Amino acid sequence: MLRFLLTGVTGVAVVYMITLTLMLHSKKIEVDTLKNDIVITAQLYNKLNHDTQKYAETYHFIRSAGATVKQSQEVILYAQQYAIDAKILASLIRSESMFKEKVAHTDKNCKGVGGINTRLWGKKVGIEAVAKVLSALLEKSKGNYREALHYYKSYTPKGLELADRVLEYVEINK
């Protein structure tokens, strides 16, 4: 495993070192930053077009929202897969369950980290399901995150307030 410090290393050197590591270790790359260790999977790194800084910022945001390492990687992966904002996805999950797998939701039909209504969306309730539902609602709302989150939370005045809180968390923690 190749370790290096992001500060003081030029972008070209970082890309070269990561490319070399990817050739040697296809599973993961370890990057030591001044603040924390970040494990970047090669697949996620490639999906972010080799933008280590963007990945680090997104990963740090998701981890500070309460996600585990695995959950953080899943948020980034599924956000990429379903073409949604990873920080908004993490903020939504944080608002629903604080990333806890088993949490009591107000509606007994709502399950998992995202409070997925299993009557409407099926049995899958993990991070991928949240991303899939949010993506579908974004399509319905023509890319408007506020409206999509309003649908997700419930299309009521209280639901709009909760949707706004999701977006505020992202803005406050930039």
Protein backbone atom coordinates (compact mmCIF):
# COMPACT_ATOMS: atom_id res chain seq x y z
CA MET A 1 0.00 0.00 0.00
CA LEU A 2 1.38 3.37 -1.02
CA ARG A 3 0.95 6.20 1.49
CA PHE A 4 1.49 9.85 0.74
CA LEU A 5 0.58 13.25 2.15
CA LEU A 6 -1.74 15.33 -0.04
CA THR A 7 -0.19 18.61 1.06
CA GLY A 8 3.05 19.49 -0.65
CA VAL A 9 2.56 17.03 -3.51
CA THR A 10 1.75 18.42 -6.95
CA GLY A 11 -1.34 17.20 -8.77
CA VAL A 12 0.75 15.48 -11.44
CA ALA A 13 2.73 13.59 -8.83
CA VAL A 14 -0.49 12.59 -7.02
CA VAL A 15 -2.02 11.26 -10.24
CA TYR A 16 1.20 9.39 -11.08
CA MET A 17 1.44 7.89 -7.59
CA ILE A 18 -2.24 6.89 -7.58
CA THR A 19 -1.98 5.42 -11.08
CA LEU A 20 1.06 3.42 -9.97
CA THR A 21 -0.79 2.21 -6.88
CA LEU A 22 -3.86 1.30 -8.92
CA MET A 23 -1.65 -0.85 -11.12
CA LEU A 24 -0.20 -2.57 -8.06
CA HIS A 25 -3.31 -2.70 -5.85
CA SER A 26 -6.62 -2.72 -7.69
CA LYS A 27 -8.73 -2.82 -4.53
CA LYS A 28 -7.95 0.42 -2.68
CA ILE A 29 -5.61 3.33 -2.20
CA GLU A 30 -4.79 4.85 1.17
CA VAL A 31 -4.36 8.58 1.36
CA ASP A 32 -3.14 10.22 4.57
CA THR A 33 -4.35 13.79 5.03
CA LEU A 34 -3.50 16.10 7.90
CA LYS A 35 -6.97 15.66 9.39
CA ASN A 36 -7.89 12.03 8.82
CA ASP A 37 -7.20 8.81 6.95
CA ILE A 38 -9.33 8.34 3.89
CA VAL A 39 -9.65 5.03 2.12
CA ILE A 40 -10.44 5.64 -1.51
CA THR A 41 -11.57 2.67 -3.53
CA ALA A 42 -10.19 2.62 -7.05
CA GLN A 43 -13.70 2.41 -8.50
CA LEU A 44 -14.93 5.52 -6.69
CA TYR A 45 -11.74 7.42 -7.44
CA ASN A 46 -12.13 6.72 -11.16
CA LYS A 47 -15.78 7.79 -11.08
CA LEU A 48 -14.69 11.18 -9.69
CA ASN A 49 -12.33 11.67 -12.63
CA HIS A 50 -9.23 11.48 -10.45
CA ASP A 51 -10.32 14.52 -8.39
CA THR A 52 -8.78 13.62 -5.04
CA GLN A 53 -9.65 16.96 -3.43
CA LYS A 54 -13.34 16.71 -4.38
CA TYR A 55 -13.49 13.13 -3.11
CA ALA A 56 -11.78 14.10 0.16
CA GLU A 57 -14.18 17.01 0.76
CA THR A 58 -17.25 14.90 -0.06
CA TYR A 59 -16.01 11.97 2.01
CA HIS A 60 -15.27 14.25 5.00
CA PHE A 61 -18.74 15.83 4.73
CA ILE A 62 -20.44 12.42 4.67
CA ARG A 63 -18.37 11.06 7.57
CA SER A 64 -19.14 14.19 9.64
CA ALA A 65 -22.85 13.58 8.93
CA GLY A 66 -22.50 10.30 10.86
CA ALA A 67 -21.80 7.70 8.18
CA THR A 68 -19.40 4.81 8.64
CA VAL A 69 -16.52 4.35 6.18
CA LYS A 70 -18.55 1.76 4.23
CA GLN A 71 -21.66 3.94 4.22
CA SER A 72 -19.62 6.93 3.04
CA GLN A 73 -18.29 4.94 0.11
CA GLU A 74 -21.79 3.70 -0.72
CA VAL A 75 -23.19 7.24 -0.65
CA ILE A 76 -20.53 8.39 -3.11
CA LEU A 77 -20.93 5.32 -5.32
CA TYR A 78 -24.73 5.48 -5.53
CA ALA A 79 -24.78 9.26 -5.89
CA GLN A 80 -22.55 8.81 -8.93
CA GLN A 81 -24.60 5.88 -10.23
CA TYR A 82 -27.92 7.73 -9.96
CA ALA A 83 -26.49 11.17 -10.90
CA ILE A 84 -27.42 12.93 -7.66
CA ASP A 85 -25.51 15.17 -5.25
CA ALA A 86 -23.68 13.01 -2.67
CA LYS A 87 -23.84 15.69 0.02
CA ILE A 88 -27.61 16.08 -0.36
CA LEU A 89 -28.01 12.29 -0.29
CA ALA A 90 -25.94 12.12 2.92
CA SER A 91 -27.87 15.01 4.47
CA LEU A 92 -31.17 13.30 3.63
CA ILE A 93 -30.06 10.02 5.24
CA ARG A 94 -28.76 11.95 8.25
CA SER A 95 -32.16 13.61 8.64
CA GLU A 96 -33.99 10.28 8.43
CA SER A 97 -31.85 8.06 10.66
CA MET A 98 -28.42 9.53 11.49
CA PHE A 99 -27.12 6.61 9.37
CA LYS A 100 -28.50 4.03 11.83
CA GLU A 101 -29.69 0.86 10.12
CA LYS A 102 -32.41 0.06 12.65
CA VAL A 103 -34.37 3.13 13.62
CA ALA A 104 -38.04 3.58 14.50
CA HIS A 105 -39.77 5.74 11.89
CA THR A 106 -43.13 7.42 12.49
CA ASP A 107 -44.77 5.34 9.75
CA LYS A 108 -44.43 1.59 10.40
CA ASN A 109 -44.07 1.02 6.64
CA CYS A 110 -40.91 3.16 6.55
CA LYS A 111 -37.69 1.23 7.03
CA GLY A 112 -33.92 1.56 6.94
CA VAL A 113 -31.47 4.45 6.89
CA GLY A 114 -33.62 6.50 4.53
CA GLY A 115 -37.05 5.79 5.96
CA ILE A 116 -38.10 4.18 2.67
CA ASN A 117 -41.83 3.48 2.49
CA THR A 118 -41.79 -0.20 1.57
CA ARG A 119 -45.43 -0.10 0.39
CA LEU A 120 -44.49 2.42 -2.31
CA TRP A 121 -40.89 1.53 -3.16
CA GLY A 122 -40.44 -2.16 -2.41
CA LYS A 123 -38.44 -4.11 0.17
CA LYS A 124 -34.97 -2.64 -0.42
CA VAL A 125 -34.21 0.02 2.17
CA GLY A 126 -30.44 0.63 2.04
CA ILE A 127 -28.46 3.58 0.74
CA GLU A 128 -28.92 2.48 -2.86
CA ALA A 129 -32.70 2.51 -2.38
CA VAL A 130 -32.57 6.06 -1.00
CA ALA A 131 -30.48 7.17 -3.99
CA LYS A 132 -32.86 5.46 -6.40
CA VAL A 133 -35.95 7.06 -4.83
CA LEU A 134 -34.33 10.52 -4.71
CA SER A 135 -33.27 10.13 -8.34
CA ALA A 136 -36.84 9.23 -9.37
CA LEU A 137 -38.23 12.20 -7.44
CA LEU A 138 -35.62 14.49 -9.02
CA GLU A 139 -36.76 13.32 -12.43
CA LYS A 140 -40.39 13.99 -11.45
CA SER A 141 -39.46 17.49 -10.20
CA LYS A 142 -37.28 18.27 -13.25
CA GLY A 143 -34.05 18.39 -11.23
CA ASN A 144 -35.34 20.62 -8.43
CA TYR A 145 -33.79 19.23 -5.21
CA ARG A 146 -36.10 21.24 -2.95
CA GLU A 147 -39.20 19.87 -4.63
CA ALA A 148 -37.80 16.31 -4.79
CA LEU A 149 -36.98 16.41 -1.08
CA HIS A 150 -40.42 17.86 -0.39
CA TYR A 151 -41.96 14.81 -2.13
CA TYR A 152 -39.58 12.52 -0.22
CA LYS A 153 -40.41 13.99 3.18
CA SER A 154 -44.16 14.26 2.41
CA TYR A 155 -45.89 16.80 0.26
CA THR A 156 -47.17 18.86 3.19
CA PRO A 157 -46.06 22.14 4.78
CA LYS A 158 -44.16 20.11 7.42
CA GLY A 159 -42.54 18.07 4.63
CA LEU A 160 -41.34 21.30 2.96
CA GLU A 161 -39.85 22.46 6.27
CA LEU A 162 -38.01 19.14 6.62
CA ALA A 163 -36.80 19.32 3.00
CA ASP A 164 -35.44 22.81 3.65
CA ARG A 165 -33.56 21.51 6.70
CA VAL A 166 -31.85 18.88 4.54
CA LEU A 167 -30.65 21.59 2.15
CA GLU A 168 -29.67 23.94 5.01
CA TYR A 169 -27.44 21.25 6.52
CA VAL A 170 -25.54 21.02 3.24
CA GLU A 171 -25.18 24.82 3.02
CA ILE A 172 -24.09 25.26 6.65
CA ASN A 173 -21.47 22.49 6.45
CA LYS A 174 -19.79 23.44 3.17
